Amino acid sequence: MTKQYDLVVLGGGPGGYVAAIRAAQLGFKTAVIDKDNLGGICLNWGCIPTKSLLKNVELYDNMKNHSKDFGIEVQGLSYDFDKIIKRSRDISEKIVKNVEMLVKKNKIDRFRGFGKFKDKNTIEICDSEGNITDTVYSEKIIIATGAHPRAIPSIPIDREYIITSSEAMSLSKQPEKLLIVGAGAIGIEFAYFYSALGTSVTVIEMLGSILPIEDKEVSALLAKSLKSRRIEIKTNSVVESAQVVDGKVNVTVLTGDERTVITADKVLSAVGVTGNVEGMGLENLGVELFKNHIKVDRASYQTSVQGIYAIGDVIGPPWLAHVASAEGINCVEGIKGLNPAPINYENIPGCTYCQPQVASIGLTEEEARNTYGKIKIGKFPFMASGKAFASGEREGFVKLIFDEKYGELIGAHIIGSEATELIAEVSLAKSMEASFESIVKTIHAHPTLSESIMEAAANAYGESIHI
């Protein structure tokens, strides 16, 4: 028997379950379909469990290397790798259960299985063996199936020796030597995690800098910091092949004209993601794709087929959980006729949770110069911050970029201990088209790290007090 709904969401990640809850709040009879636990990659194998791992090693690293600075003597300090992994998995499971409870609380029907389109309004739900267990009908369907790690021929993933981020956060044994291909946020976070525990880590990046989408000054300082941890970084380098031989992986790397072979216990492929568009029957409906992602109108998230929408990683970059959630809410509110303001994709904060942390929003210095020509740049180092000094976290800086003509904030870049928290202030400021004056004249509590934002804004116009 086919079950009728006002709105069905295919995929229960940060985009899907948020869209389903917002739909229920707006009075839609709603269902959400996912073959796995709700929460998607983010809650199960990404954002949340990785932050647990990173907090573990941050604490261990501080106790090992900096406790004496605080007058604390630690003897016999050690760690249990299995317990670190278990804590991460336990946290993930608890948060996933909370999401399941939220879905139930909002009276959303939850179907476990793989959803496949029978026609543009009907989805058949199949179990792991391909048997149809349920059929649902809805005039409006939102595809929120997310993405999976991209595979390239030279790095054949076997999930035992050549692994993805999912395996990297649940290994049964810590590798002595780890090679990471890709120096984006995922690659760098795992480089920090494993190196802090003593694993010998090498990072290979095809482009000229790590975190290549970040401001070059930030990337350069982070590279210097990571190298001080004995992480080997090879930029402008390409992996030609990766072969498993006698329980090790031999990786051939080309850097310029120099070809080297690096042997590692594990190789982590972190070269990006690609949309989950296979097996749903999209090709039979005429849903238009581009580069293995679903093409949508970014104002309404309508696909090329009337009544079918798509949000989150499956529609392409930026591949961020908070973007997927925002798109889900906007999409549902648009379907309801509330006319939400379109998302400004120039105001999306990005974060990397290694230490020092990296966070940014808007244009890099290079982009700003190319776009605006004349700009004002203000910087404030955390070494000049009283709070950072007291906390023992003096590495990094705040860098703000303003349009010279109007004084409008057009870019912000932070590298330091709490960068991923501090970015919220400048995100709000940028979304409100704040000028340097509005930031400088906002009284910031003392002593706080956030004062560094005020000081950076003042520095852009020669008004900083503390540098």
Protein backbone atom coordinates (compact mmCIF):
# COMPACT_ATOMS: atom_id res chain seq x y z
CA MET A 1 0.00 0.00 0.00
CA THR A 2 1.39 3.39 -1.03
CA LYS A 3 1.63 5.92 1.79
CA GLN A 4 0.74 9.54 1.02
CA TYR A 5 2.72 12.56 2.20
CA ASP A 6 2.89 16.29 1.58
CA LEU A 7 6.67 16.19 1.47
CA VAL A 8 9.24 13.38 1.42
CA VAL A 9 12.94 13.87 2.09
CA LEU A 10 15.35 11.35 0.60
CA GLY A 11 18.42 11.36 2.82
CA GLY A 12 18.68 12.04 6.56
CA GLY A 13 21.89 14.01 6.94
CA PRO A 14 22.26 17.62 8.19
CA GLY A 15 20.35 18.82 5.14
CA GLY A 16 17.70 16.10 5.06
CA TYR A 17 16.67 15.79 8.69
CA VAL A 18 16.70 19.57 9.17
CA ALA A 19 14.50 20.00 6.08
CA ALA A 20 12.13 17.31 7.40
CA ILE A 21 11.83 18.94 10.82
CA ARG A 22 11.23 22.39 9.34
CA ALA A 23 8.59 20.89 7.04
CA ALA A 24 6.83 19.29 9.99
CA GLN A 25 6.94 22.60 11.87
CA LEU A 26 5.21 24.24 8.90
CA GLY A 27 2.41 21.67 8.91
CA PHE A 28 3.52 19.31 6.15
CA LYS A 29 2.86 15.61 6.60
CA THR A 30 6.47 14.55 6.25
CA ALA A 31 8.59 11.44 5.81
CA VAL A 32 12.36 10.99 5.72
CA ILE A 33 14.13 8.04 4.07
CA ASP A 34 17.68 6.87 4.78
CA LYS A 35 19.30 3.46 4.56
CA ASP A 36 21.65 4.29 7.44
CA ASN A 37 21.41 6.13 10.74
CA LEU A 38 20.09 9.69 10.61
CA GLY A 39 22.71 12.41 10.75
CA GLY A 40 24.48 11.47 7.54
CA ILE A 41 28.25 11.47 7.20
CA CYS A 42 28.51 14.56 9.43
CA LEU A 43 27.11 13.04 12.62
CA ASN A 44 28.14 9.45 11.98
CA TRP A 45 31.53 9.67 10.25
CA GLY A 46 32.46 13.32 9.88
CA CYS A 47 31.95 16.60 11.73
CA ILE A 48 31.06 15.34 15.20
CA PRO A 49 33.20 12.21 15.70
CA THR A 50 36.27 13.90 14.22
CA LYS A 51 35.92 16.82 16.64
CA SER A 52 35.89 14.29 19.48
CA LEU A 53 39.15 12.82 18.20
CA LEU A 54 40.70 16.24 17.79
CA LYS A 55 39.71 17.32 21.31
CA ASN A 56 41.34 14.18 22.70
CA VAL A 57 44.68 14.89 21.08
CA GLU A 58 44.50 18.62 21.85
CA LEU A 59 44.21 17.74 25.55
CA TYR A 60 46.97 15.14 25.32
CA ASP A 61 49.26 17.45 23.37
CA ASN A 62 48.79 20.31 25.85
CA MET A 63 49.46 18.06 28.84
CA LYS A 64 52.52 16.55 27.18
CA ASN A 65 54.13 19.69 25.82
CA HIS A 66 52.77 22.64 27.79
CA SER A 67 51.69 21.52 31.28
CA LYS A 68 54.95 22.73 32.84
CA ASP A 69 54.24 26.22 31.50
CA PHE A 70 51.20 26.24 33.79
CA GLY A 71 53.05 24.87 36.82
CA ILE A 72 51.51 21.42 36.40
CA GLU A 73 53.72 18.38 36.72
CA VAL A 74 52.48 15.27 34.91
CA GLN A 75 54.17 11.92 35.35
CA GLY A 76 53.45 8.74 33.46
CA LEU A 77 51.28 10.49 30.85
CA SER A 78 49.99 8.06 28.25
CA TYR A 79 47.00 7.45 26.01
CA ASP A 80 44.83 4.51 25.03
CA PHE A 81 44.20 4.60 21.26
CA ASP A 82 41.26 2.21 21.48
CA LYS A 83 39.54 4.36 24.12
CA ILE A 84 40.10 7.50 22.04
CA ILE A 85 38.37 5.84 19.11
CA LYS A 86 35.61 4.44 21.34
CA ARG A 87 34.85 7.85 22.85
CA SER A 88 34.41 9.25 19.35
CA ARG A 89 32.06 6.44 18.34
CA ASP A 90 30.06 6.73 21.58
CA ILE A 91 29.55 10.47 21.09
CA SER A 92 28.41 9.90 17.52
CA GLU A 93 25.90 7.26 18.60
CA LYS A 94 24.42 9.50 21.31
CA ILE A 95 23.97 12.46 18.97
CA VAL A 96 22.41 10.24 16.30
CA LYS A 97 19.92 8.96 18.87
CA ASN A 98 19.05 12.57 19.71
CA VAL A 99 18.31 13.25 16.05
CA GLU A 100 16.11 10.15 15.83
CA MET A 101 14.22 11.47 18.88
CA LEU A 102 13.78 14.89 17.25
CA VAL A 103 12.33 13.28 14.14
CA LYS A 104 9.94 11.22 16.25
CA LYS A 105 9.01 14.25 18.38
CA ASN A 106 8.02 16.16 15.24
CA LYS A 107 5.81 13.24 14.12
CA ILE A 108 7.89 12.59 11.01
CA ASP A 109 7.64 9.09 9.55
CA ARG A 110 11.10 7.58 9.33
CA PHE A 111 11.80 4.87 6.73
CA ARG A 112 15.03 2.86 6.84
CA GLY A 113 16.06 1.70 3.40
CA PHE A 114 17.35 2.81 0.00
CA GLY A 115 14.94 5.07 -1.86
CA LYS A 116 14.50 4.73 -5.62
CA PHE A 117 12.18 6.77 -7.83
CA LYS A 118 9.41 4.81 -9.50
CA ASP A 119 8.17 8.06 -11.03
CA LYS A 120 8.59 11.72 -10.15
CA ASN A 121 6.17 11.50 -7.23
CA THR A 122 6.68 7.92 -6.05
CA ILE A 123 9.62 6.39 -4.20
CA GLU A 124 10.06 2.70 -3.59
CA ILE A 125 12.04 1.87 -0.45
CA CYS A 126 14.27 -1.19 -0.65
CA ASP A 127 16.08 -3.20 2.00
CA SER A 128 19.75 -4.21 1.79
CA GLU A 129 18.88 -7.11 -0.51
CA GLY A 130 16.89 -4.95 -2.92
CA ASN A 131 13.44 -6.05 -1.80
CA ILE A 132 10.75 -3.36 -1.82
CA THR A 133 9.53 -2.81 1.75
CA ASP A 134 7.47 0.38 1.37
CA THR A 135 6.22 2.80 -1.26
CA VAL A 136 5.59 6.50 -0.63
CA TYR A 137 3.94 9.20 -2.73
CA SER A 138 4.38 12.98 -2.50
CA GLU A 139 3.89 15.98 -4.75
CA LYS A 140 7.10 17.44 -3.33
CA ILE A 141 10.32 15.45 -2.86
CA ILE A 142 13.66 16.78 -1.61
CA ILE A 143 16.82 14.85 -2.48
CA ALA A 144 19.42 15.22 0.26
CA THR A 145 21.57 12.16 -0.31
CA GLY A 146 24.92 13.83 0.34
CA ALA A 147 28.26 12.81 -1.10
CA HIS A 148 30.99 10.22 -0.74
CA PRO A 149 34.82 10.36 -1.01
CA ARG A 150 36.03 10.84 -4.56
CA ALA A 151 38.19 8.07 -5.93
CA ILE A 152 41.00 8.56 -8.43
CA PRO A 153 42.60 5.73 -10.44
CA SER A 154 46.11 6.24 -9.05
CA ILE A 155 44.88 5.73 -5.47
CA PRO A 156 42.69 2.58 -5.49
CA ILE A 157 40.76 2.64 -2.21
CA ASP A 158 40.50 -0.80 -0.57
CA ARG A 159 39.41 0.50 2.90
CA GLU A 160 42.13 -1.58 4.57
CA TYR A 161 45.45 -0.10 3.49
CA ILE A 162 44.25 2.74 1.27
CA ILE A 163 41.46 4.28 3.29
CA THR A 164 38.91 7.09 3.46
CA SER A 165 38.12 9.38 6.37
CA SER A 166 35.56 6.87 7.69
CA GLU A 167 38.22 4.21 8.22
CA ALA A 168 40.74 6.79 9.48
CA MET A 169 38.54 7.57 12.48
CA SER A 170 37.90 3.96 13.44
CA LEU A 171 41.20 2.11 12.94
CA SER A 172 41.81 -0.80 15.27
CA LYS A 173 45.51 0.00 15.44
CA GLN A 174 47.39 3.29 15.22
CA PRO A 175 49.66 3.35 12.14
CA GLU A 176 53.34 4.07 12.61
CA LYS A 177 53.47 5.88 9.28
CA LEU A 178 50.54 7.56 7.54
CA LEU A 179 50.53 9.23 4.14
CA ILE A 180 47.67 11.63 3.43
CA VAL A 181 46.78 12.61 -0.12
CA GLY A 182 45.01 15.96 -0.15
CA ALA A 183 45.66 18.95 2.13
CA GLY A 184 42.14 20.28 2.47
CA ALA A 185 40.34 20.43 5.82
CA ILE A 186 39.87 16.65 6.13
CA GLY A 187 43.48 15.81 5.29
CA ILE A 188 44.92 18.46 7.58
CA GLU A 189 42.71 17.54 10.53
CA PHE A 190 43.80 13.91 10.35
CA ALA A 191 47.43 14.97 9.90
CA TYR A 192 47.21 16.91 13.17
CA PHE A 193 45.36 14.11 14.98
CA TYR A 194 47.75 11.30 14.13
CA SER A 195 50.94 13.34 14.41
CA ALA A 196 49.95 14.48 17.92
CA LEU A 197 49.83 10.80 18.90
CA GLY A 198 53.27 10.14 17.45
CA THR A 199 52.46 8.76 14.01
CA SER A 200 54.91 9.83 11.30
CA VAL A 201 52.74 11.79 8.85
CA THR A 202 53.38 12.91 5.28
CA VAL A 203 50.90 15.13 3.42
CA ILE A 204 50.81 15.29 -0.37
CA GLU A 205 49.05 18.23 -2.06
CA MET A 206 48.74 18.81 -5.79
CA LEU A 207 48.41 22.60 -5.46
CA GLY A 208 50.96 25.09 -4.16
CA SER A 209 49.77 25.32 -0.54
CA ILE A 210 47.90 23.39 2.11
CA LEU A 211 44.28 24.48 2.65
CA PRO A 212 44.50 25.90 -0.87
CA ILE A 213 41.17 27.76 -0.70
CA GLU A 214 42.31 29.74 2.34
CA ASP A 215 44.21 33.02 2.41
CA LYS A 216 47.84 32.32 1.49
CA GLU A 217 49.17 34.00 4.63
CA VAL A 218 47.05 31.72 6.79
CA SER A 219 48.07 28.61 4.84
CA ALA A 220 51.75 29.54 5.14
CA LEU A 221 51.58 29.97 8.92
CA LEU A 222 49.68 26.72 9.35
CA ALA A 223 52.21 24.85 7.21
CA LYS A 224 55.02 26.24 9.37
CA SER A 225 53.19 25.14 12.52
CA LEU A 226 52.50 21.64 11.20
CA LYS A 227 56.09 21.22 10.06
CA SER A 228 57.20 22.10 13.60
CA ARG A 229 55.23 19.00 14.62
CA ARG A 230 57.43 17.00 12.21
CA ILE A 231 54.67 16.61 9.65
CA GLU A 232 56.26 16.36 6.21
CA ILE A 233 54.39 18.44 3.64
CA LYS A 234 54.89 18.07 -0.11
CA THR A 235 53.02 20.66 -2.18
CA ASN A 236 52.97 20.89 -5.98
CA SER A 237 53.09 17.10 -5.87
CA VAL A 238 51.08 14.38 -7.60
CA VAL A 239 50.56 10.76 -6.59
CA GLU A 240 51.29 8.62 -9.65
CA SER A 241 50.51 5.28 -8.04
CA ALA A 242 49.81 3.55 -4.74
CA GLN A 243 50.43 -0.18 -4.48
CA VAL A 244 49.99 -2.54 -1.54
CA VAL A 245 53.01 -4.79 -1.10
CA ASP A 246 53.48 -7.15 1.87
CA GLY A 247 51.10 -5.21 4.14
CA LYS A 248 52.57 -1.78 3.29
CA VAL A 249 51.66 0.82 0.70
CA ASN A 250 54.29 2.06 -1.73
CA VAL A 251 53.34 5.48 -3.04
CA THR A 252 55.08 7.03 -6.03
CA VAL A 253 55.05 10.84 -5.79
CA LEU A 254 56.08 13.27 -8.52
CA THR A 255 57.27 16.70 -7.37
CA GLY A 256 58.40 18.75 -10.34
CA ASP A 257 60.85 16.46 -12.11
CA GLU A 258 61.67 14.49 -8.96
CA ARG A 259 60.02 11.12 -8.47
CA THR A 260 60.14 9.49 -5.02
CA VAL A 261 58.63 6.38 -3.46
CA ILE A 262 57.22 6.70 0.05
CA THR A 263 56.24 3.62 2.06
CA ALA A 264 53.45 3.90 4.63
CA ASP A 265 51.32 1.63 6.79
CA LYS A 266 48.17 3.41 5.65
CA VAL A 267 47.30 5.90 2.93
CA LEU A 268 44.39 8.26 3.52
CA SER A 269 42.74 9.50 0.34
CA ALA A 270 41.30 12.95 1.08
CA VAL A 271 40.99 14.36 -2.42
CA GLY A 272 37.42 15.59 -2.20
CA VAL A 273 33.90 14.20 -2.56
CA THR A 274 31.36 13.50 -5.26
CA GLY A 275 27.57 13.48 -5.11
CA ASN A 276 25.48 10.43 -4.24
CA VAL A 277 23.40 10.35 -7.41
CA GLU A 278 23.67 6.69 -8.41
CA GLY A 279 20.96 4.07 -8.20
CA MET A 280 18.01 6.37 -7.48
CA GLY A 281 16.63 6.35 -11.00
CA LEU A 282 17.31 10.02 -11.64
CA GLU A 283 18.28 9.32 -15.23
CA ASN A 284 14.81 7.91 -15.92
CA LEU A 285 13.16 11.10 -14.67
CA GLY A 286 15.35 13.49 -16.64
CA VAL A 287 16.93 15.11 -13.57
CA GLU A 288 19.83 17.15 -14.93
CA LEU A 289 23.30 16.47 -13.51
CA PHE A 290 26.64 18.26 -13.68
CA LYS A 291 29.99 16.78 -12.64
CA ASN A 292 28.19 13.97 -10.80
CA HIS A 293 26.03 16.40 -8.84
CA ILE A 294 22.40 17.48 -9.24
CA LYS A 295 21.85 20.80 -10.98
CA VAL A 296 19.39 23.10 -9.19
CA ASP A 297 18.15 26.66 -9.15
CA ARG A 298 20.03 27.95 -6.08
CA ALA A 299 17.15 30.27 -5.17
CA SER A 300 14.48 27.55 -4.89
CA TYR A 301 16.56 24.31 -5.08
CA GLN A 302 14.20 23.09 -7.78
CA THR A 303 15.78 20.52 -10.09
CA SER A 304 15.01 20.24 -13.80
CA VAL A 305 11.96 18.15 -12.86
CA GLN A 306 8.97 19.99 -11.39
CA GLY A 307 8.29 19.01 -7.77
CA ILE A 308 11.72 17.46 -7.19
CA TYR A 309 14.23 19.53 -5.21
CA ALA A 310 17.79 18.89 -4.06
CA ILE A 311 19.97 20.33 -1.29
CA GLY A 312 23.33 19.81 0.40
CA ASP A 313 26.43 18.04 -0.82
CA VAL A 314 24.58 16.30 -3.64
CA ILE A 315 24.20 19.66 -5.44
CA GLY A 316 27.91 20.49 -5.26
CA PRO A 317 30.15 22.88 -3.35
CA PRO A 318 30.42 24.21 -0.76
CA TRP A 319 30.32 20.73 0.81
CA LEU A 320 29.52 21.87 4.34
CA ALA A 321 26.98 20.60 6.86
CA HIS A 322 25.85 24.08 7.88
CA VAL A 323 25.22 24.96 4.24
CA ALA A 324 23.11 21.83 3.75
CA SER A 325 21.00 22.70 6.81
CA ALA A 326 20.47 26.27 5.64
CA GLU A 327 19.53 25.06 2.16
CA GLY A 328 17.07 22.58 3.65
CA ILE A 329 15.28 25.28 5.63
CA ASN A 330 15.21 27.68 2.67
CA CYS A 331 13.95 24.99 0.33
CA VAL A 332 11.06 23.98 2.61
CA GLU A 333 10.10 27.57 3.38
CA GLY A 334 10.08 28.28 -0.34
CA ILE A 335 7.80 25.31 -0.97
CA LYS A 336 5.50 26.67 1.74
CA GLY A 337 5.40 30.04 -0.01
CA LEU A 338 7.20 32.02 2.70
CA ASN A 339 9.61 33.61 0.17
CA PRO A 340 12.82 33.24 2.22
CA ALA A 341 15.76 35.45 1.32
CA PRO A 342 18.18 33.50 -0.92
CA ILE A 343 21.34 32.24 0.74
CA ASN A 344 24.33 34.49 0.07
CA TYR A 345 27.04 31.98 -0.81
CA GLU A 346 29.67 34.67 -0.33
CA ASN A 347 28.82 34.67 3.40
CA ILE A 348 29.58 31.04 4.21
CA PRO A 349 32.13 30.47 6.99
CA GLY A 350 34.62 27.66 6.56
CA CYS A 351 36.49 25.97 9.43
CA THR A 352 39.40 23.59 9.91
CA TYR A 353 39.74 22.14 13.41
CA CYS A 354 43.43 21.31 13.68
CA GLN A 355 45.59 23.29 16.11
CA PRO A 356 45.97 26.13 15.45
CA GLN A 357 42.42 26.27 14.09
CA VAL A 358 41.60 28.04 10.83
CA ALA A 359 38.36 29.86 10.03
CA SER A 360 37.41 32.27 7.28
CA ILE A 361 34.61 33.98 5.44
CA GLY A 362 34.49 36.05 2.29
CA LEU A 363 37.37 36.95 0.01
CA THR A 364 41.04 36.16 0.46
CA GLU A 365 43.51 39.03 0.10
CA GLU A 366 44.35 37.94 -3.45
CA GLU A 367 40.67 37.70 -4.43
CA ALA A 368 39.89 41.05 -2.82
CA ARG A 369 42.67 42.82 -4.73
CA ASN A 370 41.51 41.27 -8.00
CA THR A 371 37.89 42.23 -7.34
CA TYR A 372 38.11 45.62 -5.63
CA GLY A 373 41.56 46.89 -6.50
CA LYS A 374 41.98 49.18 -3.52
CA ILE A 375 41.47 47.51 -0.16
CA LYS A 376 42.38 47.99 3.48
CA ILE A 377 43.88 45.13 5.50
CA GLY A 378 44.04 44.98 9.26
CA LYS A 379 45.91 42.33 11.24
CA PHE A 380 46.20 41.63 14.93
CA PRO A 381 48.49 38.87 16.24
CA PHE A 382 47.34 36.79 19.18
CA MET A 383 50.77 37.32 20.75
CA ALA A 384 49.55 40.87 21.47
CA SER A 385 46.33 39.63 23.10
CA GLY A 386 46.25 39.58 26.89
CA LYS A 387 43.76 36.70 26.94
CA ALA A 388 45.84 34.65 24.50
CA PHE A 389 48.93 35.38 26.58
CA ALA A 390 47.20 34.23 29.78
CA SER A 391 45.83 31.12 28.06
CA GLY A 392 49.17 30.14 26.56
CA GLU A 393 47.68 30.25 23.05
CA ARG A 394 49.65 32.99 21.33
CA GLU A 395 50.03 31.44 17.88
CA GLY A 396 48.14 33.01 14.99
CA PHE A 397 46.35 36.20 14.04
CA VAL A 398 43.13 37.84 12.91
CA LYS A 399 43.15 39.35 9.43
CA LEU A 400 40.27 41.52 8.20
CA ILE A 401 39.88 42.89 4.68
CA PHE A 402 37.82 45.99 3.86
CA ASP A 403 36.79 47.68 0.64
CA GLU A 404 38.71 50.98 0.74
CA LYS A 405 35.91 53.02 -0.86
CA TYR A 406 33.12 52.19 1.58
CA GLY A 407 34.95 50.53 4.45
CA GLU A 408 32.79 47.41 4.12
CA LEU A 409 34.07 44.11 5.50
CA ILE A 410 34.67 41.78 2.54
CA GLY A 411 36.87 39.07 4.03
CA ALA A 412 37.99 37.69 7.38
CA HIS A 413 40.67 35.11 8.15
CA ILE A 414 41.57 33.77 11.57
CA ILE A 415 44.23 31.27 12.56
CA GLY A 416 44.55 30.48 16.24
CA SER A 417 43.28 28.44 19.16
CA GLU A 418 39.58 29.39 19.02
CA ALA A 419 39.31 30.53 15.40
CA THR A 420 36.27 28.36 14.66
CA GLU A 421 34.33 30.06 17.45
CA LEU A 422 35.56 33.59 16.74
CA ILE A 423 34.45 33.44 13.10
CA ALA A 424 30.79 33.79 14.16
CA GLU A 425 31.22 37.48 15.03
CA VAL A 426 32.68 38.42 11.67
CA SER A 427 30.16 36.19 9.89
CA LEU A 428 27.35 38.21 11.46
CA ALA A 429 29.18 41.46 10.71
CA LYS A 430 29.70 40.54 7.07
CA SER A 431 26.10 39.39 6.60
CA MET A 432 24.98 42.81 7.89
CA GLU A 433 27.46 44.59 5.57
CA ALA A 434 29.28 46.02 8.55
CA SER A 435 31.95 48.66 8.13
CA PHE A 436 35.22 48.85 10.01
CA GLU A 437 33.72 51.58 12.20
CA SER A 438 30.84 49.42 13.41
CA ILE A 439 33.32 46.73 14.47
CA VAL A 440 35.78 49.13 16.09
CA LYS A 441 33.05 51.04 17.96
CA THR A 442 31.48 47.86 19.31
CA ILE A 443 32.86 47.52 22.84
CA HIS A 444 34.37 44.08 23.29
CA ALA A 445 34.76 42.51 26.73
CA HIS A 446 38.27 42.46 28.17
CA PRO A 447 40.14 40.22 28.35
CA THR A 448 38.83 38.12 25.47
CA LEU A 449 40.20 36.71 22.25
CA SER A 450 37.39 38.51 20.43
CA GLU A 451 39.09 41.83 21.19
CA SER A 452 41.54 40.80 18.49
CA ILE A 453 38.78 41.25 15.90
CA MET A 454 38.18 44.81 17.06
CA GLU A 455 41.92 45.50 17.06
CA ALA A 456 42.35 44.06 13.56
CA ALA A 457 39.59 46.31 12.25
CA ALA A 458 41.20 49.31 13.89
CA ASN A 459 44.60 48.33 12.52
CA ALA A 460 43.29 48.50 8.96
CA TYR A 461 42.86 52.24 9.45
CA GLY A 462 45.85 52.91 11.70
CA GLU A 463 43.81 53.07 14.89
CA SER A 464 44.86 49.90 16.73
CA ILE A 465 45.86 50.61 20.31
CA HIS A 466 47.82 47.49 21.22
CA ILE A 467 50.14 47.06 18.21
